[in-house]
C-alpha atoms as a PDB file:
ATOM      1  CA  MET A   1       0.000   0.000   0.000  1.00  0.00           C
ATOM      2  CA  ASP A   2       1.391   3.421  -0.927  1.00  0.00           C
ATOM      3  CA  GLN A   3       2.188   5.639   1.994  1.00  0.00           C
ATOM      4  CA  ILE A   4       0.223   8.864   2.320  1.00  0.00           C
ATOM      5  CA  LYS A   5       2.480  11.889   1.928  1.00  0.00           C
ATOM      6  CA  ILE A   6       1.841  14.881   4.159  1.00  0.00           C
ATOM      7  CA  LYS A   7       2.363  18.162   2.286  1.00  0.00           C
ATOM      8  CA  THR A   8       4.810  20.246   4.291  1.00  0.00           C
ATOM      9  CA  ILE A   9       6.281  23.758   4.207  1.00  0.00           C
ATOM     10  CA  ILE A  10       9.364  24.892   6.153  1.00  0.00           C
ATOM     11  CA  VAL A  11       9.513  28.555   7.225  1.00  0.00           C
ATOM     12  CA  ASP A  12      12.757  29.972   8.669  1.00  0.00           C
ATOM     13  CA  ASP A  13      14.631  33.145   7.814  1.00  0.00           C
ATOM     14  CA  GLU A  14      18.025  31.456   8.377  1.00  0.00           C
ATOM     15  CA  GLN A  15      19.139  29.418   5.365  1.00  0.00           C
ATOM     16  CA  PRO A  16      21.319  26.940   7.325  1.00  0.00           C
ATOM     17  CA  SER A  17      18.399  26.142   9.609  1.00  0.00           C
ATOM     18  CA  ARG A  18      16.030  25.630   6.662  1.00  0.00           C
ATOM     19  CA  GLU A  19      18.467  23.362   4.887  1.00  0.00           C
ATOM     20  CA  ALA A  20      19.300  21.338   7.981  1.00  0.00           C
ATOM     21  CA  LEU A  21      15.660  20.746   8.807  1.00  0.00           C
ATOM     22  CA  ALA A  22      14.828  19.865   5.200  1.00  0.00           C
ATOM     23  CA  THR A  23      17.657  17.326   5.207  1.00  0.00           C
ATOM     24  CA  TYR A  24      16.410  15.755   8.450  1.00  0.00           C
ATOM     25  CA  VAL A  25      12.865  15.585   7.130  1.00  0.00           C
ATOM     26  CA  ARG A  26      13.887  13.921   3.869  1.00  0.00           C
ATOM     27  CA  GLU A  27      16.112  11.404   5.636  1.00  0.00           C
ATOM     28  CA  TYR A  28      14.091  10.541   8.733  1.00  0.00           C
ATOM     29  CA  CYS A  29      10.495  11.469   7.884  1.00  0.00           C
ATOM     30  CA  PRO A  30       9.771  10.001   4.435  1.00  0.00           C
ATOM     31  CA  GLU A  31       6.043  10.332   5.038  1.00  0.00           C
ATOM     32  CA  LEU A  32       6.397  14.106   4.593  1.00  0.00           C
ATOM     33  CA  LYS A  33       6.583  15.851   1.221  1.00  0.00           C
ATOM     34  CA  ILE A  34       8.319  19.234   1.321  1.00  0.00           C
ATOM     35  CA  CYS A  35       6.400  21.507  -1.046  1.00  0.00           C
ATOM     36  CA  ALA A  36       8.349  24.690  -0.293  1.00  0.00           C
ATOM     37  CA  THR A  37      10.944  26.276   1.976  1.00  0.00           C
ATOM     38  CA  CYS A  38      10.384  29.949   2.812  1.00  0.00           C
ATOM     39  CA  ASP A  39      12.548  32.672   4.346  1.00  0.00           C
ATOM     40  CA  SER A  40       9.814  35.055   5.530  1.00  0.00           C
ATOM     41  CA  ALA A  41       6.211  35.262   6.635  1.00  0.00           C
ATOM     42  CA  ASN A  42       5.190  36.909   3.352  1.00  0.00           C
ATOM     43  CA  THR A  43       6.719  34.231   1.119  1.00  0.00           C
ATOM     44  CA  ALA A  44       5.275  31.570   3.409  1.00  0.00           C
ATOM     45  CA  TYR A  45       1.811  33.097   3.093  1.00  0.00           C
ATOM     46  CA  GLU A  46       1.974  32.822  -0.703  1.00  0.00           C
ATOM     47  CA  ALA A  47       3.324  29.274  -0.527  1.00  0.00           C
ATOM     48  CA  ILE A  48       0.551  28.210   1.833  1.00  0.00           C
ATOM     49  CA  LEU A  49      -2.116  29.581  -0.509  1.00  0.00           C
ATOM     50  CA  LYS A  50      -0.477  27.810  -3.440  1.00  0.00           C
ATOM     51  CA  HIS A  51       0.278  24.394  -1.941  1.00  0.00           C
ATOM     52  CA  GLN A  52      -2.403  24.075   0.770  1.00  0.00           C
ATOM     53  CA  PRO A  53      -0.074  22.159   3.122  1.00  0.00           C
ATOM     54  CA  SER A  54      -1.142  19.962   6.010  1.00  0.00           C
ATOM     55  CA  LEU A  55       1.942  20.781   8.075  1.00  0.00           C
ATOM     56  CA  LEU A  56       4.041  23.875   8.711  1.00  0.00           C
ATOM     57  CA  PHE A  57       7.463  23.881  10.393  1.00  0.00           C
ATOM     58  CA  LEU A  58       7.550  27.473  11.604  1.00  0.00           C
ATOM     59  CA  ASP A  59      10.304  29.619  13.080  1.00  0.00           C
ATOM     60  CA  ILE A  60       9.107  32.375  15.429  1.00  0.00           C
ATOM     61  CA  GLU A  61      11.762  35.115  15.378  1.00  0.00           C
ATOM     62  CA  MET A  62      11.901  36.481  11.824  1.00  0.00           C
ATOM     63  CA  PRO A  63      12.413  40.025  10.440  1.00  0.00           C
ATOM     64  CA  THR A  64       9.379  42.232   9.704  1.00  0.00           C
ATOM     65  CA  LYS A  65       6.753  39.600  10.573  1.00  0.00           C
ATOM     66  CA  ASN A  66       7.282  36.750  13.008  1.00  0.00           C
ATOM     67  CA  GLY A  67       5.710  33.311  13.051  1.00  0.00           C
ATOM     68  CA  PHE A  68       2.715  34.431  15.102  1.00  0.00           C
ATOM     69  CA  ASP A  69       2.067  37.247  12.630  1.00  0.00           C
ATOM     70  CA  LEU A  70       1.949  34.657   9.842  1.00  0.00           C
ATOM     71  CA  LEU A  71      -0.604  32.551  11.678  1.00  0.00           C
ATOM     72  CA  ASN A  72      -2.715  35.629  12.353  1.00  0.00           C
ATOM     73  CA  MET A  73      -3.000  36.093   8.575  1.00  0.00           C
ATOM     74  CA  PHE A  74      -5.290  33.043   8.520  1.00  0.00           C
ATOM     75  CA  LYS A  75      -8.686  33.155  10.215  1.00  0.00           C
ATOM     76  CA  ALA A  76      -8.933  29.386  10.625  1.00  0.00           C
ATOM     77  CA  PRO A  77      -5.711  27.612   9.567  1.00  0.00           C
ATOM     78  CA  GLU A  78      -6.330  24.094   8.324  1.00  0.00           C
ATOM     79  CA  PHE A  79      -2.681  23.078   8.652  1.00  0.00           C
ATOM     80  CA  LYS A  80      -0.871  21.783  11.723  1.00  0.00           C
ATOM     81  CA  VAL A  81       2.050  23.778  13.108  1.00  0.00           C
ATOM     82  CA  ILE A  82       5.319  22.596  14.630  1.00  0.00           C
ATOM     83  CA  PHE A  83       7.277  25.565  15.944  1.00  0.00           C
ATOM     84  CA  VAL A  84      11.046  25.296  15.496  1.00  0.00           C
ATOM     85  CA  THR A  85      12.928  28.003  17.370  1.00  0.00           C
ATOM     86  CA  ALA A  86      16.060  28.769  19.340  1.00  0.00           C
ATOM     87  CA  TYR A  87      13.991  30.555  21.992  1.00  0.00           C
ATOM     88  CA  SER A  88      12.142  28.763  24.791  1.00  0.00           C
ATOM     89  CA  ASP A  89      10.364  31.962  25.918  1.00  0.00           C
ATOM     90  CA  TYR A  90       7.552  31.527  23.388  1.00  0.00           C
ATOM     91  CA  ALA A  91       6.467  28.013  24.373  1.00  0.00           C
ATOM     92  CA  ILE A  92       3.300  28.912  26.259  1.00  0.00           C
ATOM     93  CA  LYS A  93       2.177  31.418  23.613  1.00  0.00           C
ATOM     94  CA  ALA A  94       2.901  28.867  20.881  1.00  0.00           C
ATOM     95  CA  PHE A  95       0.564  26.326  22.390  1.00  0.00           C
ATOM     96  CA  ARG A  96      -2.122  28.968  22.719  1.00  0.00           C
ATOM     97  CA  PHE A  97      -1.905  29.052  18.914  1.00  0.00           C
ATOM     98  CA  SER A  98      -2.734  25.310  19.038  1.00  0.00           C
ATOM     99  CA  ALA A  99       0.772  24.254  18.080  1.00  0.00           C
ATOM    100  CA  ALA A 100       1.101  20.535  17.504  1.00  0.00           C
ATOM    101  CA  ASP A 101       4.622  20.600  18.941  1.00  0.00           C
ATOM    102  CA  TYR A 102       7.517  22.877  19.858  1.00  0.00           C
ATOM    103  CA  LEU A 103      11.093  21.952  18.927  1.00  0.00           C
ATOM    104  CA  LEU A 104      14.126  23.806  20.200  1.00  0.00           C
ATOM    105  CA  LYS A 105      17.128  24.375  17.936  1.00  0.00           C
ATOM    106  CA  PRO A 106      19.313  22.549  17.286  1.00  0.00           C
ATOM    107  CA  VAL A 107      16.607  20.021  16.425  1.00  0.00           C
ATOM    108  CA  LYS A 108      17.131  16.507  17.759  1.00  0.00           C
ATOM    109  CA  ILE A 109      16.265  13.663  15.398  1.00  0.00           C
ATOM    110  CA  ASP A 110      14.263  11.649  17.910  1.00  0.00           C
ATOM    111  CA  GLU A 111      12.196  14.696  18.874  1.00  0.00           C
ATOM    112  CA  LEU A 112      11.528  15.499  15.222  1.00  0.00           C
ATOM    113  CA  ILE A 113      10.387  11.941  14.522  1.00  0.00           C
ATOM    114  CA  ASP A 114       8.128  11.983  17.567  1.00  0.00           C
ATOM    115  CA  ALA A 115       6.602  15.327  16.570  1.00  0.00           C
ATOM    116  CA  VAL A 116       5.885  14.042  13.058  1.00  0.00           C
ATOM    117  CA  ARG A 117       4.343  10.892  14.478  1.00  0.00           C
ATOM    118  CA  LYS A 118       1.899  13.032  16.458  1.00  0.00           C
ATOM    119  CA  ILE A 119       1.012  14.922  13.296  1.00  0.00           C
ATOM    120  CA  LYS A 120       0.291  11.656  11.481  1.00  0.00           C
ATOM    121  CA  GLU A 121      -1.954  10.534  14.319  1.00  0.00           C
ATOM    122  CA  ALA A 122      -3.799  13.852  14.278  1.00  0.00           C
ATOM    123  CA  LEU A 123      -4.292  13.647  10.515  1.00  0.00           C
ATOM    124  CA  GLY A 124      -5.394  10.036  10.682  1.00  0.00           C
ATOM    125  CA  THR A 125      -2.443   8.648   8.702  1.00  0.00           C
ATOM    126  CA  ARG A 126      -0.424   5.568   9.615  1.00  0.00           C
ATOM    127  CA  SER A 127       3.086   4.264   8.983  1.00  0.00           C
ATOM    128  CA  ALA A 128       5.642   1.811  10.270  1.00  0.00           C
ATOM    129  CA  ILE A 129       7.591   4.652  11.858  1.00  0.00           C
ATOM    130  CA  ALA A 130       4.639   5.502  14.078  1.00  0.00           C
ATOM    131  CA  GLU A 131       4.603   1.905  15.262  1.00  0.00           C
ATOM    132  CA  SER A 132       8.313   1.981  16.140  1.00  0.00           C
ATOM    133  CA  HIS A 133       8.145   5.307  18.022  1.00  0.00           C
ATOM    134  CA  PRO A 134       5.291   4.986  20.531  1.00  0.00           C
ATOM    135  CA  THR A 135       4.086   7.956  22.527  1.00  0.00           C
ATOM    136  CA  PRO A 136       6.193   8.302  25.680  1.00  0.00           C
ATOM    137  CA  LEU A 137       3.121   9.362  27.673  1.00  0.00           C
ATOM    138  CA  PRO A 138      -0.409   7.917  27.758  1.00  0.00           C
ATOM    139  CA  GLU A 139      -3.148   9.677  25.843  1.00  0.00           C
ATOM    140  CA  LYS A 140      -5.035  12.356  27.750  1.00  0.00           C
ATOM    141  CA  GLN A 141      -8.178  10.274  28.234  1.00  0.00           C
ATOM    142  CA  GLU A 142      -6.086   7.687  30.105  1.00  0.00           C
ATOM    143  CA  VAL A 143      -4.564  10.413  32.269  1.00  0.00           C
ATOM    144  CA  ASP A 144      -7.902  11.865  33.265  1.00  0.00           C
ATOM    145  CA  ALA A 145      -9.194   8.456  34.321  1.00  0.00           C
ATOM    146  CA  ILE A 146      -6.859   8.613  37.377  1.00  0.00           C
ATOM    147  CA  ASP A 147      -8.633  11.041  39.680  1.00  0.00           C
ATOM    148  CA  ASN A 148      -7.020  10.825  43.098  1.00  0.00           C
ATOM    149  CA  LEU A 149      -3.633  10.688  44.759  1.00  0.00           C
ATOM    150  CA  ILE A 150      -2.971   9.240  48.207  1.00  0.00           C
ATOM    151  CA  ILE A 151      -0.330  11.181  50.158  1.00  0.00           C
ATOM    152  CA  SER A 152       1.222   9.378  53.115  1.00  0.00           C
ATOM    153  CA  ASP A 153       2.186  11.502  56.115  1.00  0.00           C
ATOM    154  CA  LEU A 154       3.078  11.017  59.770  1.00  0.00           C
ATOM    155  CA  ASP A 155      -0.600  10.999  60.777  1.00  0.00           C
ATOM    156  CA  GLY A 156      -1.713   8.474  58.156  1.00  0.00           C
ATOM    157  CA  PHE A 157      -2.663   9.636  54.681  1.00  0.00           C
ATOM    158  CA  THR A 158      -4.558  12.333  52.779  1.00  0.00           C
ATOM    159  CA  VAL A 159      -6.464  11.858  49.526  1.00  0.00           C
ATOM    160  CA  ILE A 160      -6.374  14.720  47.017  1.00  0.00           C
ATOM    161  CA  LYS A 161      -7.670  15.138  43.491  1.00  0.00           C
ATOM    162  CA  LEU A 162      -4.845  14.818  41.003  1.00  0.00           C
ATOM    163  CA  ASP A 163      -6.095  17.883  39.114  1.00  0.00           C
ATOM    164  CA  ASP A 164      -5.688  19.945  42.310  1.00  0.00           C
ATOM    165  CA  LEU A 165      -2.001  19.114  42.615  1.00  0.00           C
ATOM    166  CA  ILE A 166       0.156  22.018  41.407  1.00  0.00           C
ATOM    167  CA  LEU A 167       3.696  20.904  42.188  1.00  0.00           C
ATOM    168  CA  CYS A 168       5.846  18.675  44.390  1.00  0.00           C
ATOM    169  CA  GLN A 169       9.134  19.614  46.049  1.00  0.00           C
ATOM    170  CA  GLY A 170      11.574  17.008  47.269  1.00  0.00           C
ATOM    171  CA  GLU A 171      13.480  17.803  50.444  1.00  0.00           C
ATOM    172  CA  GLY A 172      15.585  14.971  51.815  1.00  0.00           C
ATOM    173  CA  TYR A 173      13.350  12.069  52.745  1.00  0.00           C
ATOM    174  CA  CYS A 174      10.192  14.183  52.523  1.00  0.00           C
ATOM    175  CA  THR A 175       8.034  15.602  49.729  1.00  0.00           C
ATOM    176  CA  HIS A 176       6.072  18.840  49.955  1.00  0.00           C
ATOM    177  CA  PHE A 177       2.826  18.972  47.951  1.00  0.00           C
ATOM    178  CA  TYR A 178       1.414  22.328  46.878  1.00  0.00           C
ATOM    179  CA  ILE A 179      -2.312  22.020  46.208  1.00  0.00           C
ATOM    180  CA  SER A 180      -4.939  24.373  44.764  1.00  0.00           C
ATOM    181  CA  GLY A 181      -6.309  26.789  47.324  1.00  0.00           C
ATOM    182  CA  LYS A 182      -2.801  27.518  48.656  1.00  0.00           C
ATOM    183  CA  ARG A 183      -2.735  24.279  50.638  1.00  0.00           C
ATOM    184  CA  LYS A 184       0.481  22.443  51.487  1.00  0.00           C
ATOM    185  CA  ILE A 185       0.923  18.845  52.659  1.00  0.00           C
ATOM    186  CA  THR A 186       4.231  17.251  53.614  1.00  0.00           C
ATOM    187  CA  SER A 187       4.621  13.540  52.991  1.00  0.00           C
ATOM    188  CA  SER A 188       6.920  11.169  54.829  1.00  0.00           C
ATOM    189  CA  ARG A 189       7.895   9.568  51.495  1.00  0.00           C
ATOM    190  CA  ASN A 190      10.615  10.919  49.212  1.00  0.00           C
ATOM    191  CA  LEU A 191      10.158  12.518  45.797  1.00  0.00           C
ATOM    192  CA  LYS A 192      11.364   9.435  43.936  1.00  0.00           C
ATOM    193  CA  TYR A 193       8.453   7.425  45.309  1.00  0.00           C
ATOM    194  CA  TYR A 194       5.901   9.928  43.962  1.00  0.00           C
ATOM    195  CA  GLU A 195       7.811  10.407  40.724  1.00  0.00           C
ATOM    196  CA  GLU A 196       7.198   6.746  39.896  1.00  0.00           C
ATOM    197  CA  LEU A 197       3.482   7.204  40.596  1.00  0.00           C
ATOM    198  CA  LEU A 198       3.015  10.495  38.758  1.00  0.00           C
ATOM    199  CA  LEU A 199       5.381  10.695  35.792  1.00  0.00           C
ATOM    200  CA  PRO A 200       3.233   8.561  33.445  1.00  0.00           C
ATOM    201  CA  ARG A 201       0.569  11.242  33.846  1.00  0.00           C
ATOM    202  CA  GLN A 202       0.346  15.013  33.456  1.00  0.00           C
ATOM    203  CA  VAL A 203       2.932  15.534  36.217  1.00  0.00           C
ATOM    204  CA  VAL A 204       6.542  15.818  34.964  1.00  0.00           C
ATOM    205  CA  ARG A 205       9.975  16.351  36.472  1.00  0.00           C
ATOM    206  CA  VAL A 206      11.397  19.797  35.672  1.00  0.00           C
ATOM    207  CA  HIS A 207      14.274  19.878  38.145  1.00  0.00           C
ATOM    208  CA  HIS A 208      16.046  17.354  40.366  1.00  0.00           C
ATOM    209  CA  SER A 209      13.895  18.560  43.291  1.00  0.00           C
ATOM    210  CA  TRP A 210      10.641  19.496  41.559  1.00  0.00           C
ATOM    211  CA  LEU A 211       7.689  17.899  39.746  1.00  0.00           C
ATOM    212  CA  VAL A 212       4.963  20.084  38.196  1.00  0.00           C
ATOM    213  CA  ASN A 213       1.420  19.441  37.029  1.00  0.00           C
ATOM    214  CA  LEU A 214       1.310  20.658  33.422  1.00  0.00           C
ATOM    215  CA  HIS A 215      -2.369  21.596  33.814  1.00  0.00           C
ATOM    216  CA  HIS A 216      -1.283  24.382  36.184  1.00  0.00           C
ATOM    217  CA  VAL A 217       1.529  25.913  34.107  1.00  0.00           C
ATOM    218  CA  THR A 218       0.754  29.547  33.267  1.00  0.00           C
ATOM    219  CA  GLY A 219       4.052  30.756  31.842  1.00  0.00           C
ATOM    220  CA  ILE A 220       7.827  30.874  32.104  1.00  0.00           C
ATOM    221  CA  THR A 221      10.173  33.730  32.881  1.00  0.00           C
ATOM    222  CA  ARG A 222      13.300  34.706  30.956  1.00  0.00           C
ATOM    223  CA  GLN A 223      15.241  33.625  34.037  1.00  0.00           C
ATOM    224  CA  GLY A 224      14.011  30.062  33.573  1.00  0.00           C
ATOM    225  CA  GLU A 225      11.345  29.875  36.274  1.00  0.00           C
ATOM    226  CA  ILE A 226       8.060  28.094  35.625  1.00  0.00           C
ATOM    227  CA  LEU A 227       4.977  30.088  36.646  1.00  0.00           C
ATOM    228  CA  LEU A 228       2.056  28.116  38.064  1.00  0.00           C
ATOM    229  CA  SER A 229      -1.388  28.519  39.603  1.00  0.00           C
ATOM    230  CA  ASP A 230      -1.749  30.113  43.047  1.00  0.00           C
ATOM    231  CA  GLU A 231       1.213  32.417  42.258  1.00  0.00           C
ATOM    232  CA  LEU A 232       3.647  29.535  42.699  1.00  0.00           C
ATOM    233  CA  ARG A 233       6.862  29.141  40.729  1.00  0.00           C
ATOM    234  CA  CYS A 234       9.774  26.733  40.520  1.00  0.00           C
ATOM    235  CA  PRO A 235      13.073  26.439  38.610  1.00  0.00           C
ATOM    236  CA  LEU A 236      13.359  24.686  35.247  1.00  0.00           C
ATOM    237  CA  GLY A 237      16.533  22.615  35.074  1.00  0.00           C
ATOM    238  CA  SER A 238      18.518  22.825  31.842  1.00  0.00           C
ATOM    239  CA  SER A 239      18.518  19.049  31.352  1.00  0.00           C
ATOM    240  CA  TYR A 240      14.709  18.957  31.593  1.00  0.00           C
ATOM    241  CA  LYS A 241      14.008  21.983  29.385  1.00  0.00           C
ATOM    242  CA  ASN A 242      13.460  20.304  26.004  1.00  0.00           C
ATOM    243  CA  ARG A 243      11.130  17.652  27.346  1.00  0.00           C
ATOM    244  CA  PHE A 244       9.129  20.201  29.344  1.00  0.00           C
ATOM    245  CA  PHE A 245       8.455  22.371  26.298  1.00  0.00           C
ATOM    246  CA  ARG A 246       7.541  19.334  24.216  1.00  0.00           C
ATOM    247  CA  LEU A 247       5.035  18.049  26.748  1.00  0.00           C
ATOM    248  CA  VAL A 248       3.441  21.216  28.085  1.00  0.00           C
ATOM    249  CA  GLY A 249       1.202  21.660  25.032  1.00  0.00           C
ATOM    250  CA  ARG A 250      -0.367  18.216  25.345  1.00  0.00           C
ATOM    251  CA  TYR A 251      -1.972  19.035  28.669  1.00  0.00           C
ATOM    252  CA  ARG A 252      -2.942  22.696  28.207  1.00  0.00           C
END
């Protein structure tokens, strides 16, 4: 059976970045068909009208008009968007534009393949590559089926709704839980114990001492702090940055 090709356009004002991404796509994502590569929002707009792509790889910082300006030129875009940028500051705004994914430069091959796999799933296409690169997290409907979390403490245990959990802080052999309504519970178990319970869900590690609930992320500062509900914040470790930006859009 012939494989369905997904019409794709690459938009980036830097020629080396365009060429590198195009090379990766041709070599590792054969299910995509590159219809055009564009160096500005204006040329991309014309190419989109001409080719009617299903997927756009879009840089954000570009002269004159940026990537968001390009998207605003369409009332109801019918194409999926994967942002490809050197700047992590735009992640939250990107997902408010319904981005399918967010890749930081330099693009990693495994992250590119995973992002394309998600596009294929969203468009209803299938391929052997999708079978060999399964989603690292369960689908959202599976996540939401787990409603409660039991927190052990010195007095016994407390049951909270998972959606009310904002973040967890590890401190020695204890874990502090910050819960909606500015509540705090300290558990007698360490962070590693809860990491094993929570990481397959919408709670992810962002620092060696912190886990956050992606449902409660509201932004990120230029200093690398994650902003959360109830005016809470926590640091984002450099080794966790790429994964955090890739996952935050799935649970917003």
